[in-house]
Amino acid sequence: MTRTTVTFTRPVRLSALDGTVPAGTYEVETEEEPVEGLSFAAYRRVSCIILVPGPPGGPVQVQAVPIDPEELEAALRDDA
């Protein structure tokens, strides 16, 4: 499991979420598993989630939302 942070300077729309994500810094967790049988270390991505705040006043403080890593990278490039 790898945990990184990403920062958006503007609100961004991600297909896995309803609506937009406000500008800010978010944690992204990527889970990978080793690829067996190779002569070098290699890993396969199993899942990628972004942690976003839950709706204001709601029972959930943080939502773990599965996200396509390529869509996340595109959103970061567009935001730069």
C-alpha atoms as a PDB file:
ATOM      1  CA  MET A   1       0.000   0.000   0.000  1.00  0.00           C
ATOM      2  CA  THR A   2       1.325   3.398  -1.002  1.00  0.00           C
ATOM      3  CA  ARG A   3      -0.183   6.588   0.384  1.00  0.00           C
ATOM      4  CA  THR A   4       0.472   9.881  -1.416  1.00  0.00           C
ATOM      5  CA  THR A   5      -1.089  13.319  -1.448  1.00  0.00           C
ATOM      6  CA  VAL A   6      -2.354  15.275  -4.429  1.00  0.00           C
ATOM      7  CA  THR A   7      -3.260  18.946  -4.531  1.00  0.00           C
ATOM      8  CA  PHE A   8      -5.801  20.584  -6.808  1.00  0.00           C
ATOM      9  CA  THR A   9      -5.669  24.373  -7.161  1.00  0.00           C
ATOM     10  CA  ARG A  10      -9.156  24.447  -8.698  1.00  0.00           C
ATOM     11  CA  PRO A  11     -12.289  22.329  -8.252  1.00  0.00           C
ATOM     12  CA  VAL A  12     -12.092  19.148 -10.309  1.00  0.00           C
ATOM     13  CA  ARG A  13     -14.683  16.718 -11.646  1.00  0.00           C
ATOM     14  CA  LEU A  14     -13.941  13.007 -11.326  1.00  0.00           C
ATOM     15  CA  SER A  15     -16.286  10.430 -12.860  1.00  0.00           C
ATOM     16  CA  ALA A  16     -16.332   8.295  -9.690  1.00  0.00           C
ATOM     17  CA  LEU A  17     -17.839  11.185  -7.704  1.00  0.00           C
ATOM     18  CA  ASP A  18     -21.124  13.026  -7.908  1.00  0.00           C
ATOM     19  CA  GLY A  19     -20.285  16.660  -8.554  1.00  0.00           C
ATOM     20  CA  THR A  20     -16.898  18.270  -8.171  1.00  0.00           C
ATOM     21  CA  VAL A  21     -14.139  17.988  -5.615  1.00  0.00           C
ATOM     22  CA  PRO A  22     -13.176  21.370  -4.155  1.00  0.00           C
ATOM     23  CA  ALA A  23      -9.634  22.669  -4.526  1.00  0.00           C
ATOM     24  CA  GLY A  24      -7.418  21.259  -1.801  1.00  0.00           C
ATOM     25  CA  THR A  25      -5.069  18.464  -0.798  1.00  0.00           C
ATOM     26  CA  TYR A  26      -6.269  14.861  -0.776  1.00  0.00           C
ATOM     27  CA  GLU A  27      -4.775  11.511   0.176  1.00  0.00           C
ATOM     28  CA  VAL A  28      -4.596   8.789  -2.462  1.00  0.00           C
ATOM     29  CA  GLU A  29      -4.037   5.167  -1.502  1.00  0.00           C
ATOM     30  CA  THR A  30      -2.732   2.727  -4.101  1.00  0.00           C
ATOM     31  CA  GLU A  31      -2.611  -0.978  -3.387  1.00  0.00           C
ATOM     32  CA  GLU A  32      -0.226  -3.097  -5.436  1.00  0.00           C
ATOM     33  CA  GLU A  33       0.713  -6.753  -5.417  1.00  0.00           C
ATOM     34  CA  PRO A  34       3.977  -8.311  -6.560  1.00  0.00           C
ATOM     35  CA  VAL A  35       4.087 -10.014  -9.948  1.00  0.00           C
ATOM     36  CA  GLU A  36       5.531 -13.468  -9.360  1.00  0.00           C
ATOM     37  CA  GLY A  37       7.853 -15.361 -11.664  1.00  0.00           C
ATOM     38  CA  LEU A  38       9.897 -12.458 -13.027  1.00  0.00           C
ATOM     39  CA  SER A  39      13.648 -12.009 -12.679  1.00  0.00           C
ATOM     40  CA  PHE A  40      13.100  -8.438 -11.438  1.00  0.00           C
ATOM     41  CA  ALA A  41      10.728  -6.773  -8.964  1.00  0.00           C
ATOM     42  CA  ALA A  42       7.465  -5.708 -10.556  1.00  0.00           C
ATOM     43  CA  TYR A  43       4.091  -4.786  -9.109  1.00  0.00           C
ATOM     44  CA  ARG A  44       0.538  -4.779 -10.420  1.00  0.00           C
ATOM     45  CA  ARG A  45      -1.894  -2.092  -9.268  1.00  0.00           C
ATOM     46  CA  VAL A  46      -4.870  -3.684  -7.537  1.00  0.00           C
ATOM     47  CA  SER A  47      -6.803  -0.606  -6.457  1.00  0.00           C
ATOM     48  CA  CYS A  48      -6.570   3.159  -6.205  1.00  0.00           C
ATOM     49  CA  ILE A  49      -8.778   5.292  -3.958  1.00  0.00           C
ATOM     50  CA  ILE A  50      -8.990   8.985  -3.145  1.00  0.00           C
ATOM     51  CA  LEU A  51     -10.110  10.112   0.309  1.00  0.00           C
ATOM     52  CA  VAL A  52     -12.566  13.020   0.114  1.00  0.00           C
ATOM     53  CA  PRO A  53     -14.588  14.737   2.836  1.00  0.00           C
ATOM     54  CA  GLY A  54     -18.135  13.470   3.302  1.00  0.00           C
ATOM     55  CA  PRO A  55     -21.147  15.733   2.846  1.00  0.00           C
ATOM     56  CA  PRO A  56     -21.322  18.563   5.434  1.00  0.00           C
ATOM     57  CA  GLY A  57     -23.429  17.562   8.420  1.00  0.00           C
ATOM     58  CA  GLY A  58     -23.598  13.955   7.243  1.00  0.00           C
ATOM     59  CA  PRO A  59     -22.664  10.856   9.211  1.00  0.00           C
ATOM     60  CA  VAL A  60     -19.577  10.150   7.053  1.00  0.00           C
ATOM     61  CA  GLN A  61     -16.516  12.340   7.670  1.00  0.00           C
ATOM     62  CA  VAL A  62     -14.329  10.872   4.920  1.00  0.00           C
ATOM     63  CA  GLN A  63     -15.293   8.874   1.840  1.00  0.00           C
ATOM     64  CA  ALA A  64     -12.881   6.383   0.247  1.00  0.00           C
ATOM     65  CA  VAL A  65     -13.750   6.592  -3.451  1.00  0.00           C
ATOM     66  CA  PRO A  66     -12.270   4.153  -6.004  1.00  0.00           C
ATOM     67  CA  ILE A  67     -10.701   6.113  -8.843  1.00  0.00           C
ATOM     68  CA  ASP A  68      -9.084   5.363 -12.174  1.00  0.00           C
ATOM     69  CA  PRO A  69      -5.411   6.328 -11.725  1.00  0.00           C
ATOM     70  CA  GLU A  70      -5.163   7.514 -15.341  1.00  0.00           C
ATOM     71  CA  GLU A  71      -8.142   9.834 -14.824  1.00  0.00           C
ATOM     72  CA  LEU A  72      -6.486  11.182 -11.666  1.00  0.00           C
ATOM     73  CA  GLU A  73      -3.245  11.851 -13.551  1.00  0.00           C
ATOM     74  CA  ALA A  74      -5.180  13.629 -16.321  1.00  0.00           C
ATOM     75  CA  ALA A  75      -6.998  15.769 -13.746  1.00  0.00           C
ATOM     76  CA  LEU A  76      -3.680  16.738 -12.139  1.00  0.00           C
ATOM     77  CA  ARG A  77      -2.199  17.655 -15.540  1.00  0.00           C
ATOM     78  CA  ASP A  78      -5.253  19.768 -16.393  1.00  0.00           C
ATOM     79  CA  ASP A  79      -5.007  21.521 -13.027  1.00  0.00           C
ATOM     80  CA  ALA A  80      -1.299  22.399 -13.448  1.00  0.00           C
END
